[in-house]
Every structure is written in structure tokens, then in C-alpha cells.
């Protein structure tokens, strides 16, 4: 279980780093894509608007992977920390000790107050 948890954690970290990189590469809706991918964006590898669609879809895929990994890690952590059936603290009986005096509880001894020294004239 620990190996699977480590693999899911690595996948989550890689998805987070990839998502950060993809978000930083993207521009706002008002920005011109030609500024970052060259002036001939229509002749680029992804087409005129293909780079924006590719980046946004890649970001969505990374976000989905990140979300699934987060849910898997939460499930595994919760599943690992739960106690097996019958091993609950409520199932174990705590020993009850009866008082030695037959049920009556003796009051605790109260120490005598310290007397002030007598004043000498």
C-alpha cells in the first residue's frame, strides 16, 4: 500500500508541476498568441487557434489527474488510519476497580494550617 501511495504522490506532483507550467505559458483572452509563438501563428504546428486549444486541453487533463490523485491519496490515508473491526477502543473493556472500603470513599486528609509564630515583645 505504501508503494502505491508513493506512486500516486509522484503522479500528483508531476501533474501539479505540469499544470503550473502550462498555465504560465498561456496568455489571457485578450493577448495575441502570435507574440509568444512567433508572428506566423497560422502556420504553426497547432494551427491558428490550435495552440490555445492544445494548451487549455492539456491544462484540463493535468487538473483532472491532479484531482483524481488527491482523492486517491485522501482515500488511502483514511483507509490506512481506520482501525480494523474489533480493535476499537470502545470494544475493549476497561478494568473497573472497586474501592477497598466497601463502597464508601474516605475523605482526603486535609493538612493542618501552619500557625504563625508568636510575636515576642
Protein backbone atom coordinates (compact mmCIF):
# COMPACT_ATOMS: atom_id res chain seq x y z
CA UNK A 1 0.00 0.00 0.00
CA UNK A 2 2.89 2.35 0.77
CA UNK A 3 4.39 1.86 -2.71
CA UNK A 4 1.05 2.68 -4.36
CA UNK A 5 0.70 5.76 -2.17
CA UNK A 6 4.17 6.93 -3.20
CA UNK A 7 3.38 6.41 -6.90
CA UNK A 8 0.15 8.38 -6.62
CA UNK A 9 2.01 11.15 -4.78
CA UNK A 10 4.66 11.33 -7.55
CA UNK A 11 1.92 11.45 -10.20
CA UNK A 12 0.21 14.25 -8.28
CA UNK A 13 3.42 16.28 -8.03
CA UNK A 14 4.20 15.83 -11.73
CA UNK A 15 0.66 16.84 -12.68
CA UNK A 16 0.91 19.92 -10.45
CA UNK A 17 4.23 21.00 -11.96
CA UNK A 18 2.97 20.42 -15.49
CA UNK A 19 -0.19 22.37 -14.73
CA UNK A 20 1.84 25.28 -13.33
CA UNK A 21 3.99 25.33 -16.45
CA UNK A 22 1.01 25.15 -18.80
CA UNK A 23 -0.80 27.97 -17.01
CA UNK A 24 2.29 30.17 -17.13
CA UNK A 25 2.73 29.59 -20.87
CA UNK A 26 -0.86 30.55 -21.66
CA UNK A 27 -1.90 34.14 -22.21
CA UNK A 28 -5.12 35.88 -21.36
CA UNK A 29 -8.03 36.00 -23.76
CA UNK A 30 -7.08 39.45 -24.98
CA UNK A 31 -3.42 38.63 -25.60
CA UNK A 32 -2.21 37.84 -29.10
CA UNK A 33 -0.87 34.29 -29.43
CA UNK A 34 1.47 35.46 -32.16
CA UNK A 35 3.55 37.32 -29.61
CA UNK A 36 4.68 34.16 -27.87
CA UNK A 37 4.69 31.63 -30.70
CA UNK A 38 6.00 33.86 -33.49
CA UNK A 39 4.19 36.14 -35.86
CA UNK A 40 3.12 33.36 -38.22
CA UNK A 41 0.81 31.63 -35.77
CA UNK A 42 -1.45 30.41 -38.58
CA UNK A 43 1.38 28.31 -39.96
CA UNK A 44 2.49 26.87 -36.64
CA UNK A 45 2.36 23.26 -35.58
CA UNK A 46 -1.09 23.58 -33.96
CA UNK A 47 -2.71 25.93 -36.49
CA UNK A 48 -4.15 29.40 -35.96
CA UNK A 49 -6.05 28.64 -32.74
CA UNK A 50 -4.75 25.15 -32.17
CA UNK A 51 -2.08 26.18 -29.69
CA UNK A 52 -4.65 27.77 -27.38
CA UNK A 53 -6.90 24.73 -27.59
CA UNK A 54 -3.96 22.37 -27.07
CA UNK A 55 -2.72 24.26 -24.02
CA UNK A 56 -6.15 24.57 -22.44
CA UNK A 57 -6.94 20.90 -23.03
CA UNK A 58 -3.56 19.86 -21.63
CA UNK A 59 -4.20 22.00 -18.57
CA UNK A 60 -7.62 20.38 -18.11
CA UNK A 61 -6.06 16.90 -18.36
CA UNK A 62 -3.39 17.81 -15.78
CA UNK A 63 -6.05 19.27 -13.48
CA UNK A 64 -8.11 16.07 -13.77
CA UNK A 65 -5.08 13.91 -12.98
CA UNK A 66 -4.25 16.15 -10.02
CA UNK A 67 -7.83 15.96 -8.71
CA UNK A 68 -8.01 12.14 -9.06
CA UNK A 69 -4.64 11.74 -7.33
CA UNK A 70 -5.78 14.00 -4.49
CA UNK A 71 -8.92 11.93 -3.98
CA UNK A 72 -6.92 8.69 -4.12
CA UNK A 73 -4.43 9.95 -1.54
CA UNK A 74 -7.24 11.07 0.76
CA UNK A 75 -8.93 7.68 0.44
CA UNK A 76 -5.71 5.77 1.10
CA UNK A 77 -4.83 7.93 4.11
CA UNK A 78 -8.31 7.48 5.57
CA UNK A 79 -8.32 3.75 4.84
CA UNK A 80 -4.90 3.26 6.42
CA UNK A 81 -5.73 5.14 9.62
CA UNK A 82 -9.01 3.34 10.35
CA UNK A 83 -8.81 0.58 12.96
CA UNK A 84 -9.78 -2.97 12.00
CA UNK A 85 -13.11 -4.29 13.26
CA UNK A 86 -12.98 -5.40 16.86
CA UNK A 87 -9.90 -3.32 17.61
CA UNK A 88 -11.82 -0.21 18.56
CA UNK A 89 -11.27 1.49 21.88
CA UNK A 90 -14.99 1.08 22.56
CA UNK A 91 -14.76 -2.70 22.15
CA UNK A 92 -12.10 -3.06 24.83
CA UNK A 93 -13.43 -3.20 28.39
CA UNK A 94 -11.55 -1.03 30.83
CA UNK A 95 -10.91 -2.70 34.18
CA UNK A 96 -13.05 -1.20 36.92
CA UNK A 97 -11.60 -1.27 40.42
CA UNK A 98 -13.91 -1.10 43.40
CA UNK A 99 -12.94 0.96 46.45
CA UNK A 100 -11.33 -1.10 49.23
CA UNK A 101 -13.61 0.29 51.99
CA UNK A 102 -16.72 -1.44 50.72
CA UNK A 103 -18.07 1.40 48.62
CA UNK A 104 -17.54 4.33 50.94
CA UNK A 105 -14.87 6.72 49.88
CA UNK A 106 -12.81 8.19 52.68
CA UNK A 107 -12.27 11.94 52.52
CA UNK A 108 -8.77 13.02 51.76
CA UNK A 109 -6.72 14.16 54.74
CA UNK A 110 -6.54 17.92 54.95
CA UNK A 111 -3.25 19.21 56.29
CA UNK A 112 -3.43 21.42 59.34
CA UNK A 113 -2.84 25.13 58.74
CA UNK A 114 0.59 26.41 59.63
CA UNK A 115 0.45 28.52 62.75
CA UNK A 116 2.09 31.91 62.63
CA UNK A 117 4.99 32.34 65.05
CA UNK A 118 4.07 34.17 68.21
CA UNK A 119 5.21 37.74 68.36
CA UNK A 120 7.69 38.40 71.14
CA UNK A 121 7.93 41.80 72.83
